Every structure is written in structure tokens, then in C-alpha cells.
Amino acid sequence: MSKTIFITGASSGLGKITAKLFSEKGWTVIATMRTPENETELSQLPNLHILPLDISHPQQIVETVALAEKISPVDVLFNNAGYVLAGPLEAITDDQLEQQFNTNVFGAIRLTRAFLPYFTARKSGVILTTTALGAYIPDPFMALYVSSKAALESWSTGMFYELAAKHIYIKTIVPGLMQTNFVGNAQVKFHEAYQDDINKVLAAYADPAAAANADLPSTIAAAVYEAATDGKQQIHYFAGNDAVTRYQELSKKGLDVILQERKNFFLTNK
């Protein structure tokens, strides 16, 4: 009997590629997104169901989880939805700050909570969450975004204890730079006092050399499949060459050295 995965943020990028991969592997896929009426590609795949879900809406989370369980009992939850809020803190409003954490952090936590009664009743389940290497090595003007991902890293680690006895695995997928429209999809906020430095950072991200070193989303999706199926009690999966290489550098050099190197890379005049 095929297994079932529930994926958030499946309209593009890693979520969409992962939905395709699991469908190809014979899984039942429940792919969620805010505007399913705009999706035409995934709807053509076998054993794939598309449901509406904005994970910043708590009541919709409860309703969508109940509907998903009626379609097929879910074996794997993949908390993937999220977005980048970038810019200096002085430029961020209270509403923008709250929405960043409501989506990136509280959405994943609430969705996990909604699935737990089903997982505990079945005494099985895998919970995967996309974080980011930035939780370990932040880049300039990403403080709020990477702190949301660091929160998910710590939350997942802390949840290990209460889930282990229930035979439920909780894991994080930690990618570095991926070949997606990272800058184009980000919400970038500007402030005149920081404009020169912001321009340097955006130029560094837009440099074709940066894209050349980025990992394919399909590589990260393969790591998602591994984490979902390997049966290991491993919590963190550094996914892709960029994340693996830079995390190894962090282990060797220490964070203070790495931060100075990143500062020189982004903010020195080239």
C-alpha cells in the first residue's frame, strides 16, 4: 500500500519539485497552496490531490488537515511553506514582523499540532520542516528570516523527546542557496540609512557566479525523500553541496571567522 505525504508551499520551488518526486515514487501526494485554482501542472499527476491552505490561518489549518486525512491517512508531513522578509530592522513594521513569524514559525507548529492526534493514534509519522543554512550562518539584512528558521531548528530538536516514545520522527531539511528566484520572491524592505549596503547585498545575490554555486531544487527534494524514508532518528539533514560545504567550514573555522568573511564578501566595495 502506498504512503501519503502532505506538503505545504507546493505551488513553486522546492515544494513543487518534491510533490513531483513523491508522485513519481508512487506515493499519494496532498499538495497545498494558497491559490490552487492557478495550479495546472500538479493537477495532471497521478495520485496527487491539491488543497487550499494559507498556513497563517489557524482555522483553515484544522479544516484542511481533517480533509486530508479523509483523502488518505498521512504518513509524512512536510512543512515547507514560508517566505523571506529581508531588510534592516528599522524598515520593518510590526505587521510585517508578525506575518513573518506567523507564516514561517507558527504555521508549521500549528500544522504539526493538528496532525499529531492522527500520528499518535497510529503510533507512526514523520514530520519534516524546511529551515535554512542561514539559521547557522546568517547573511546581511536577513536577521528576521533566519531567526524564524533558527526557531524551527530549535523547536524540532526540542520536540524529539515528546515524539520519540510515540514512534514519530521529527527532522529538518537544511538547504543552502538554491537555484530559485530567491531575490525576486523575497519581500525586501528599504531604509535610506542602509541603502548602500542593501544594494551591495542584492548585487551579490544577483551575481551569476552565485547562481552557479547554488543547488538544484531537485537535489534538495532528494534529501527530503531520504529523510522521509530512511527510518533514522537523525534530526538535521544538511541538503545540497552548498549547505554541506559551508556547514563544514563553520565547524572548522567557527562562527566569528565565518561572519567576518561573509561581511567582507557582501559589504566591501568590489
C-alpha atoms as a PDB file:
ATOM      1  CA  MET A   1       0.000   0.000   0.000  1.00  0.00           C
ATOM      2  CA  SER A   2       1.387   3.394  -0.989  1.00  0.00           C
ATOM      3  CA  LYS A   3       2.188   6.003   1.624  1.00  0.00           C
ATOM      4  CA  THR A   4       0.933   9.586   1.747  1.00  0.00           C
ATOM      5  CA  ILE A   5       2.787  12.874   2.111  1.00  0.00           C
ATOM      6  CA  PHE A   6       1.212  16.261   2.917  1.00  0.00           C
ATOM      7  CA  ILE A   7       3.222  19.199   1.504  1.00  0.00           C
ATOM      8  CA  THR A   8       2.792  22.919   2.170  1.00  0.00           C
ATOM      9  CA  GLY A   9       4.007  25.600  -0.197  1.00  0.00           C
ATOM     10  CA  ALA A  10       3.684  23.286  -3.205  1.00  0.00           C
ATOM     11  CA  SER A  11       2.911  25.925  -5.821  1.00  0.00           C
ATOM     12  CA  SER A  12       6.564  26.521  -6.744  1.00  0.00           C
ATOM     13  CA  GLY A  13      10.199  25.824  -5.945  1.00  0.00           C
ATOM     14  CA  LEU A  14      11.149  23.037  -3.581  1.00  0.00           C
ATOM     15  CA  GLY A  15       7.554  22.213  -2.642  1.00  0.00           C
ATOM     16  CA  LYS A  16       6.513  21.645  -6.233  1.00  0.00           C
ATOM     17  CA  ILE A  17       9.603  19.618  -7.142  1.00  0.00           C
ATOM     18  CA  THR A  18       9.115  17.474  -4.029  1.00  0.00           C
ATOM     19  CA  ALA A  19       5.469  16.844  -4.903  1.00  0.00           C
ATOM     20  CA  LYS A  20       6.532  15.631  -8.345  1.00  0.00           C
ATOM     21  CA  LEU A  21       9.246  13.378  -6.912  1.00  0.00           C
ATOM     22  CA  PHE A  22       6.973  11.644  -4.412  1.00  0.00           C
ATOM     23  CA  SER A  23       4.301  11.195  -7.076  1.00  0.00           C
ATOM     24  CA  GLU A  24       6.890   9.543  -9.328  1.00  0.00           C
ATOM     25  CA  LYS A  25       7.813   7.248  -6.416  1.00  0.00           C
ATOM     26  CA  GLY A  26       4.203   6.035  -6.213  1.00  0.00           C
ATOM     27  CA  TRP A  27       3.160   7.998  -3.131  1.00  0.00           C
ATOM     28  CA  THR A  28      -0.199   9.653  -2.644  1.00  0.00           C
ATOM     29  CA  VAL A  29       0.589  13.369  -2.523  1.00  0.00           C
ATOM     30  CA  ILE A  30      -1.569  16.026  -0.902  1.00  0.00           C
ATOM     31  CA  ALA A  31      -0.131  19.295  -2.170  1.00  0.00           C
ATOM     32  CA  THR A  32      -1.343  22.505  -0.545  1.00  0.00           C
ATOM     33  CA  MET A  33      -1.055  26.119  -1.644  1.00  0.00           C
ATOM     34  CA  ARG A  34      -2.830  29.425  -1.153  1.00  0.00           C
ATOM     35  CA  THR A  35      -4.236  29.636  -4.691  1.00  0.00           C
ATOM     36  CA  PRO A  36      -4.836  26.108  -6.037  1.00  0.00           C
ATOM     37  CA  GLU A  37      -7.002  27.491  -8.829  1.00  0.00           C
ATOM     38  CA  ASN A  38      -3.818  28.759 -10.504  1.00  0.00           C
ATOM     39  CA  GLU A  39      -2.088  25.361 -10.494  1.00  0.00           C
ATOM     40  CA  THR A  40      -2.217  23.434 -13.781  1.00  0.00           C
ATOM     41  CA  GLU A  41       0.854  21.145 -13.741  1.00  0.00           C
ATOM     42  CA  LEU A  42       0.498  19.189 -10.500  1.00  0.00           C
ATOM     43  CA  SER A  43      -3.168  18.536 -11.134  1.00  0.00           C
ATOM     44  CA  GLN A  44      -2.173  16.302 -14.053  1.00  0.00           C
ATOM     45  CA  LEU A  45      -0.084  13.931 -11.926  1.00  0.00           C
ATOM     46  CA  PRO A  46      -1.372  10.559 -10.679  1.00  0.00           C
ATOM     47  CA  ASN A  47      -2.400  10.165  -7.037  1.00  0.00           C
ATOM     48  CA  LEU A  48      -1.950  13.876  -6.402  1.00  0.00           C
ATOM     49  CA  HIS A  49      -4.566  15.971  -4.620  1.00  0.00           C
ATOM     50  CA  ILE A  50      -4.437  19.760  -4.357  1.00  0.00           C
ATOM     51  CA  LEU A  51      -5.973  21.552  -1.377  1.00  0.00           C
ATOM     52  CA  PRO A  52      -6.132  25.243  -0.467  1.00  0.00           C
ATOM     53  CA  LEU A  53      -4.132  26.259   2.583  1.00  0.00           C
ATOM     54  CA  ASP A  54      -2.736  29.505   3.924  1.00  0.00           C
ATOM     55  CA  ILE A  55      -0.753  28.377   6.949  1.00  0.00           C
ATOM     56  CA  SER A  56      -1.099  31.783   8.594  1.00  0.00           C
ATOM     57  CA  HIS A  57      -4.819  31.000   9.121  1.00  0.00           C
ATOM     58  CA  PRO A  58      -5.254  28.684  12.138  1.00  0.00           C
ATOM     59  CA  GLN A  59      -8.851  27.609  11.404  1.00  0.00           C
ATOM     60  CA  GLN A  60      -8.037  26.707   7.799  1.00  0.00           C
ATOM     61  CA  ILE A  61      -5.189  24.526   9.081  1.00  0.00           C
ATOM     62  CA  VAL A  62      -7.600  22.458  11.189  1.00  0.00           C
ATOM     63  CA  GLU A  63     -10.105  22.134   8.353  1.00  0.00           C
ATOM     64  CA  THR A  64      -7.516  21.192   5.732  1.00  0.00           C
ATOM     65  CA  VAL A  65      -5.857  18.561   7.934  1.00  0.00           C
ATOM     66  CA  ALA A  66      -9.251  16.909   8.572  1.00  0.00           C
ATOM     67  CA  LEU A  67      -9.965  16.890   4.840  1.00  0.00           C
ATOM     68  CA  ALA A  68      -6.523  15.476   4.024  1.00  0.00           C
ATOM     69  CA  GLU A  69      -6.994  12.618   6.480  1.00  0.00           C
ATOM     70  CA  LYS A  70     -10.266  11.731   4.749  1.00  0.00           C
ATOM     71  CA  ILE A  71      -8.454  11.558   1.406  1.00  0.00           C
ATOM     72  CA  SER A  72      -5.715   9.298   2.777  1.00  0.00           C
ATOM     73  CA  PRO A  73      -4.081   8.811   6.198  1.00  0.00           C
ATOM     74  CA  VAL A  74      -0.955  10.959   6.152  1.00  0.00           C
ATOM     75  CA  ASP A  75       2.402   9.289   6.842  1.00  0.00           C
ATOM     76  CA  VAL A  76       4.687  12.279   6.269  1.00  0.00           C
ATOM     77  CA  LEU A  77       4.088  15.970   6.920  1.00  0.00           C
ATOM     78  CA  PHE A  78       6.410  18.298   5.030  1.00  0.00           C
ATOM     79  CA  ASN A  79       6.328  21.824   6.492  1.00  0.00           C
ATOM     80  CA  ASN A  80       7.786  23.673   3.543  1.00  0.00           C
ATOM     81  CA  ALA A  81       5.770  26.887   3.126  1.00  0.00           C
ATOM     82  CA  GLY A  82       7.490  30.124   4.026  1.00  0.00           C
ATOM     83  CA  TYR A  83       8.928  33.310   2.602  1.00  0.00           C
ATOM     84  CA  VAL A  84      11.880  35.671   3.006  1.00  0.00           C
ATOM     85  CA  LEU A  85      11.467  39.037   4.703  1.00  0.00           C
ATOM     86  CA  ALA A  86      14.686  40.986   4.174  1.00  0.00           C
ATOM     87  CA  GLY A  87      15.918  44.442   5.030  1.00  0.00           C
ATOM     88  CA  PRO A  88      17.089  46.478   8.016  1.00  0.00           C
ATOM     89  CA  LEU A  89      15.059  46.209  11.221  1.00  0.00           C
ATOM     90  CA  GLU A  90      14.315  49.943  11.110  1.00  0.00           C
ATOM     91  CA  ALA A  91      12.363  49.377   7.895  1.00  0.00           C
ATOM     92  CA  ILE A  92      10.168  46.545   9.225  1.00  0.00           C
ATOM     93  CA  THR A  93       6.695  47.281  10.578  1.00  0.00           C
ATOM     94  CA  ASP A  94       5.016  45.334  13.380  1.00  0.00           C
ATOM     95  CA  ASP A  95       2.588  43.752  10.903  1.00  0.00           C
ATOM     96  CA  GLN A  96       5.431  42.583   8.663  1.00  0.00           C
ATOM     97  CA  LEU A  97       7.373  41.167  11.604  1.00  0.00           C
ATOM     98  CA  GLU A  98       4.344  39.295  12.913  1.00  0.00           C
ATOM     99  CA  GLN A  99       3.446  37.920   9.480  1.00  0.00           C
ATOM    100  CA  GLN A 100       6.970  36.562   9.018  1.00  0.00           C
ATOM    101  CA  PHE A 101       6.739  34.520  12.208  1.00  0.00           C
ATOM    102  CA  ASN A 102       3.062  33.693  11.760  1.00  0.00           C
ATOM    103  CA  THR A 103       3.855  32.047   8.425  1.00  0.00           C
ATOM    104  CA  ASN A 104       7.351  30.642   8.870  1.00  0.00           C
ATOM    105  CA  VAL A 105       7.129  29.510  12.507  1.00  0.00           C
ATOM    106  CA  PHE A 106       3.627  29.396  13.959  1.00  0.00           C
ATOM    107  CA  GLY A 107       2.135  27.977  10.763  1.00  0.00           C
ATOM    108  CA  ALA A 108       4.447  24.956  10.865  1.00  0.00           C
ATOM    109  CA  ILE A 109       3.888  24.466  14.590  1.00  0.00           C
ATOM    110  CA  ARG A 110       0.093  24.720  14.335  1.00  0.00           C
ATOM    111  CA  LEU A 111       0.009  22.366  11.363  1.00  0.00           C
ATOM    112  CA  THR A 112       2.139  19.833  13.229  1.00  0.00           C
ATOM    113  CA  ARG A 113      -0.144  20.097  16.253  1.00  0.00           C
ATOM    114  CA  ALA A 114      -3.176  19.454  14.047  1.00  0.00           C
ATOM    115  CA  PHE A 115      -1.624  16.244  12.674  1.00  0.00           C
ATOM    116  CA  LEU A 116      -0.352  14.887  15.996  1.00  0.00           C
ATOM    117  CA  PRO A 117      -3.625  13.249  17.124  1.00  0.00           C
ATOM    118  CA  TYR A 118      -3.614  11.198  13.930  1.00  0.00           C
ATOM    119  CA  PHE A 119       0.078  10.321  14.187  1.00  0.00           C
ATOM    120  CA  THR A 120      -0.119   9.371  17.859  1.00  0.00           C
ATOM    121  CA  ALA A 121      -3.209   7.225  17.268  1.00  0.00           C
ATOM    122  CA  ARG A 122      -1.328   5.337  14.533  1.00  0.00           C
ATOM    123  CA  LYS A 123       1.937   5.359  16.544  1.00  0.00           C
ATOM    124  CA  SER A 124       3.832   6.438  13.437  1.00  0.00           C
ATOM    125  CA  GLY A 125       4.607   9.500  11.365  1.00  0.00           C
ATOM    126  CA  VAL A 126       7.417  11.657  10.031  1.00  0.00           C
ATOM    127  CA  ILE A 127       7.469  15.443  10.389  1.00  0.00           C
ATOM    128  CA  LEU A 128       9.856  17.283   8.063  1.00  0.00           C
ATOM    129  CA  THR A 129      10.442  21.030   8.095  1.00  0.00           C
ATOM    130  CA  THR A 130      12.410  23.170   5.663  1.00  0.00           C
ATOM    131  CA  THR A 131      14.753  25.501   7.510  1.00  0.00           C
ATOM    132  CA  ALA A 132      17.848  27.168   6.051  1.00  0.00           C
ATOM    133  CA  LEU A 133      21.609  27.246   6.426  1.00  0.00           C
ATOM    134  CA  GLY A 134      21.060  30.874   7.390  1.00  0.00           C
ATOM    135  CA  ALA A 135      19.880  29.595  10.766  1.00  0.00           C
ATOM    136  CA  TYR A 136      23.552  28.700  11.332  1.00  0.00           C
ATOM    137  CA  ILE A 137      25.295  31.266   9.082  1.00  0.00           C
ATOM    138  CA  PRO A 138      23.130  34.375   8.585  1.00  0.00           C
ATOM    139  CA  ASP A 139      23.606  36.791   5.704  1.00  0.00           C
ATOM    140  CA  PRO A 140      23.232  40.582   5.990  1.00  0.00           C
ATOM    141  CA  PHE A 141      19.706  42.004   6.281  1.00  0.00           C
ATOM    142  CA  MET A 142      18.207  38.529   6.790  1.00  0.00           C
ATOM    143  CA  ALA A 143      18.023  38.655  10.592  1.00  0.00           C
ATOM    144  CA  LEU A 144      14.268  38.161  10.946  1.00  0.00           C
ATOM    145  CA  TYR A 145      14.062  35.473   8.265  1.00  0.00           C
ATOM    146  CA  VAL A 146      16.965  33.426   9.618  1.00  0.00           C
ATOM    147  CA  SER A 147      15.715  33.796  13.195  1.00  0.00           C
ATOM    148  CA  SER A 148      12.416  32.264  12.068  1.00  0.00           C
ATOM    149  CA  LYS A 149      14.343  29.335  10.586  1.00  0.00           C
ATOM    150  CA  ALA A 150      16.523  29.033  13.691  1.00  0.00           C
ATOM    151  CA  ALA A 151      13.336  28.863  15.758  1.00  0.00           C
ATOM    152  CA  LEU A 152      12.181  25.904  13.655  1.00  0.00           C
ATOM    153  CA  GLU A 153      15.552  24.205  14.109  1.00  0.00           C
ATOM    154  CA  SER A 154      15.373  24.528  17.894  1.00  0.00           C
ATOM    155  CA  TRP A 155      11.676  23.654  18.036  1.00  0.00           C
ATOM    156  CA  SER A 156      12.241  20.460  16.033  1.00  0.00           C
ATOM    157  CA  THR A 157      15.124  19.452  18.280  1.00  0.00           C
ATOM    158  CA  GLY A 158      13.072  20.075  21.400  1.00  0.00           C
ATOM    159  CA  MET A 159      10.108  18.102  20.043  1.00  0.00           C
ATOM    160  CA  PHE A 160      12.277  14.994  19.688  1.00  0.00           C
ATOM    161  CA  TYR A 161      11.675  13.967  23.299  1.00  0.00           C
ATOM    162  CA  GLU A 162       7.893  14.011  23.332  1.00  0.00           C
ATOM    163  CA  LEU A 163       7.565  12.364  19.929  1.00  0.00           C
ATOM    164  CA  ALA A 164      10.191   9.612  20.206  1.00  0.00           C
ATOM    165  CA  ALA A 165       8.087   7.490  22.562  1.00  0.00           C
ATOM    166  CA  LYS A 166       5.208   7.729  20.090  1.00  0.00           C
ATOM    167  CA  HIS A 167       7.420   6.402  17.253  1.00  0.00           C
ATOM    168  CA  ILE A 168       7.132   9.723  15.428  1.00  0.00           C
ATOM    169  CA  TYR A 169      10.262  11.120  13.757  1.00  0.00           C
ATOM    170  CA  ILE A 170      10.818  14.881  13.524  1.00  0.00           C
ATOM    171  CA  LYS A 171      13.508  16.191  11.180  1.00  0.00           C
ATOM    172  CA  THR A 172      14.682  19.368   9.470  1.00  0.00           C
ATOM    173  CA  ILE A 173      15.822  19.842   5.881  1.00  0.00           C
ATOM    174  CA  VAL A 174      18.590  22.468   5.831  1.00  0.00           C
ATOM    175  CA  PRO A 175      19.351  23.780   2.326  1.00  0.00           C
ATOM    176  CA  GLY A 176      21.819  26.477   1.413  1.00  0.00           C
ATOM    177  CA  LEU A 177      21.452  28.566  -1.725  1.00  0.00           C
ATOM    178  CA  MET A 178      19.095  27.003  -4.262  1.00  0.00           C
ATOM    179  CA  GLN A 179      18.542  27.802  -7.932  1.00  0.00           C
ATOM    180  CA  THR A 180      15.228  29.528  -7.320  1.00  0.00           C
ATOM    181  CA  ASN A 181      14.108  33.132  -7.693  1.00  0.00           C
ATOM    182  CA  PHE A 182      15.356  33.914  -4.188  1.00  0.00           C
ATOM    183  CA  VAL A 183      15.651  37.691  -4.539  1.00  0.00           C
ATOM    184  CA  GLY A 184      12.607  38.037  -6.779  1.00  0.00           C
ATOM    185  CA  ASN A 185      10.342  36.189  -4.345  1.00  0.00           C
ATOM    186  CA  ALA A 186      11.650  37.909  -1.217  1.00  0.00           C
ATOM    187  CA  GLN A 187       9.889  40.797   0.469  1.00  0.00           C
ATOM    188  CA  VAL A 188      12.714  43.323   0.609  1.00  0.00           C
ATOM    189  CA  LYS A 189      12.210  46.440   2.713  1.00  0.00           C
ATOM    190  CA  PHE A 190      14.380  49.505   2.249  1.00  0.00           C
ATOM    191  CA  HIS A 191      15.647  52.294   4.503  1.00  0.00           C
ATOM    192  CA  GLU A 192      17.722  55.216   3.282  1.00  0.00           C
ATOM    193  CA  ALA A 193      20.222  54.932   6.132  1.00  0.00           C
ATOM    194  CA  TYR A 194      21.210  51.436   4.928  1.00  0.00           C
ATOM    195  CA  GLN A 195      20.670  51.759   1.181  1.00  0.00           C
ATOM    196  CA  ASP A 196      24.299  51.461   0.037  1.00  0.00           C
ATOM    197  CA  ASP A 197      24.807  48.224   1.945  1.00  0.00           C
ATOM    198  CA  ILE A 198      21.448  46.798   0.823  1.00  0.00           C
ATOM    199  CA  ASN A 199      22.393  47.439  -2.797  1.00  0.00           C
ATOM    200  CA  LYS A 200      25.681  45.578  -2.314  1.00  0.00           C
ATOM    201  CA  VAL A 201      23.910  42.565  -0.826  1.00  0.00           C
ATOM    202  CA  LEU A 202      21.306  42.444  -3.602  1.00  0.00           C
ATOM    203  CA  ALA A 203      24.054  42.726  -6.212  1.00  0.00           C
ATOM    204  CA  ALA A 204      25.910  39.804  -4.637  1.00  0.00           C
ATOM    205  CA  TYR A 205      22.803  37.628  -4.784  1.00  0.00           C
ATOM    206  CA  ALA A 206      22.162  38.651  -8.405  1.00  0.00           C
ATOM    207  CA  ASP A 207      25.721  37.792  -9.477  1.00  0.00           C
ATOM    208  CA  PRO A 208      25.645  34.874 -11.963  1.00  0.00           C
ATOM    209  CA  ALA A 209      28.549  33.300 -10.069  1.00  0.00           C
ATOM    210  CA  ALA A 210      26.312  32.914  -7.017  1.00  0.00           C
ATOM    211  CA  ALA A 211      23.679  31.094  -9.051  1.00  0.00           C
ATOM    212  CA  ALA A 212      26.355  28.809 -10.470  1.00  0.00           C
ATOM    213  CA  ASN A 213      27.192  27.615  -6.952  1.00  0.00           C
ATOM    214  CA  ALA A 214      23.568  27.124  -5.963  1.00  0.00           C
ATOM    215  CA  ASP A 215      21.996  23.686  -5.689  1.00  0.00           C
ATOM    216  CA  LEU A 216      19.172  22.422  -7.865  1.00  0.00           C
ATOM    217  CA  PRO A 217      15.827  22.125  -6.053  1.00  0.00           C
ATOM    218  CA  SER A 218      15.741  18.504  -7.248  1.00  0.00           C
ATOM    219  CA  THR A 219      18.865  17.814  -5.169  1.00  0.00           C
ATOM    220  CA  ILE A 220      17.142  19.132  -2.052  1.00  0.00           C
ATOM    221  CA  ALA A 221      13.971  17.189  -2.904  1.00  0.00           C
ATOM    222  CA  ALA A 222      16.060  14.007  -2.983  1.00  0.00           C
ATOM    223  CA  ALA A 223      17.201  14.803   0.569  1.00  0.00           C
ATOM    224  CA  VAL A 224      13.560  15.226   1.572  1.00  0.00           C
ATOM    225  CA  TYR A 225      12.786  11.775   0.192  1.00  0.00           C
ATOM    226  CA  GLU A 226      15.755  10.294   2.036  1.00  0.00           C
ATOM    227  CA  ALA A 227      14.684  11.847   5.329  1.00  0.00           C
ATOM    228  CA  ALA A 228      11.119  10.634   4.813  1.00  0.00           C
ATOM    229  CA  THR A 229      12.084   7.039   4.110  1.00  0.00           C
ATOM    230  CA  ASP A 230      15.400   6.175   5.821  1.00  0.00           C
ATOM    231  CA  GLY A 231      13.903   5.329   9.224  1.00  0.00           C
ATOM    232  CA  LYS A 232      16.754   7.083  11.036  1.00  0.00           C
ATOM    233  CA  GLN A 233      16.386   9.114  14.229  1.00  0.00           C
ATOM    234  CA  GLN A 234      18.538  11.800  12.625  1.00  0.00           C
ATOM    235  CA  ILE A 235      17.142  15.277  13.216  1.00  0.00           C
ATOM    236  CA  HIS A 236      19.033  17.602  10.866  1.00  0.00           C
ATOM    237  CA  TYR A 237      19.689  16.902   7.162  1.00  0.00           C
ATOM    238  CA  PHE A 238      22.060  19.400   5.565  1.00  0.00           C
ATOM    239  CA  ALA A 239      20.888  19.208   1.970  1.00  0.00           C
ATOM    240  CA  GLY A 240      22.924  20.009  -1.117  1.00  0.00           C
ATOM    241  CA  ASN A 241      26.563  20.815  -1.708  1.00  0.00           C
ATOM    242  CA  ASP A 242      26.304  24.453  -0.638  1.00  0.00           C
ATOM    243  CA  ALA A 243      24.854  23.662   2.789  1.00  0.00           C
ATOM    244  CA  VAL A 244      27.154  20.699   3.430  1.00  0.00           C
ATOM    245  CA  THR A 245      30.307  22.571   2.367  1.00  0.00           C
ATOM    246  CA  ARG A 246      29.592  25.749   4.286  1.00  0.00           C
ATOM    247  CA  TYR A 247      28.495  23.922   7.434  1.00  0.00           C
ATOM    248  CA  GLN A 248      31.791  22.003   7.357  1.00  0.00           C
ATOM    249  CA  GLU A 249      33.613  25.329   7.059  1.00  0.00           C
ATOM    250  CA  LEU A 250      31.655  26.631  10.043  1.00  0.00           C
ATOM    251  CA  SER A 251      32.696  23.606  12.104  1.00  0.00           C
ATOM    252  CA  LYS A 252      36.362  24.177  11.233  1.00  0.00           C
ATOM    253  CA  LYS A 253      36.625  27.978  11.433  1.00  0.00           C
ATOM    254  CA  GLY A 254      33.993  28.955  13.984  1.00  0.00           C
ATOM    255  CA  LEU A 255      31.174  31.445  13.593  1.00  0.00           C
ATOM    256  CA  ASP A 256      33.156  34.622  14.297  1.00  0.00           C
ATOM    257  CA  VAL A 257      35.545  33.954  11.412  1.00  0.00           C
ATOM    258  CA  ILE A 258      32.736  32.971   9.050  1.00  0.00           C
ATOM    259  CA  LEU A 259      30.730  36.116   9.867  1.00  0.00           C
ATOM    260  CA  GLN A 260      33.732  38.320   9.112  1.00  0.00           C
ATOM    261  CA  GLU A 261      34.256  36.519   5.802  1.00  0.00           C
ATOM    262  CA  ARG A 262      30.583  36.964   4.867  1.00  0.00           C
ATOM    263  CA  LYS A 263      30.755  40.646   5.829  1.00  0.00           C
ATOM    264  CA  ASN A 264      33.753  41.144   3.573  1.00  0.00           C
ATOM    265  CA  PHE A 265      32.076  39.242   0.744  1.00  0.00           C
ATOM    266  CA  PHE A 266      28.814  41.196   0.831  1.00  0.00           C
ATOM    267  CA  LEU A 267      29.697  44.649   2.056  1.00  0.00           C
ATOM    268  CA  THR A 268      33.179  45.549   0.841  1.00  0.00           C
ATOM    269  CA  ASN A 269      33.423  47.703  -2.294  1.00  0.00           C
ATOM    270  CA  LYS A 270      34.237  45.483  -5.248  1.00  0.00           C
END
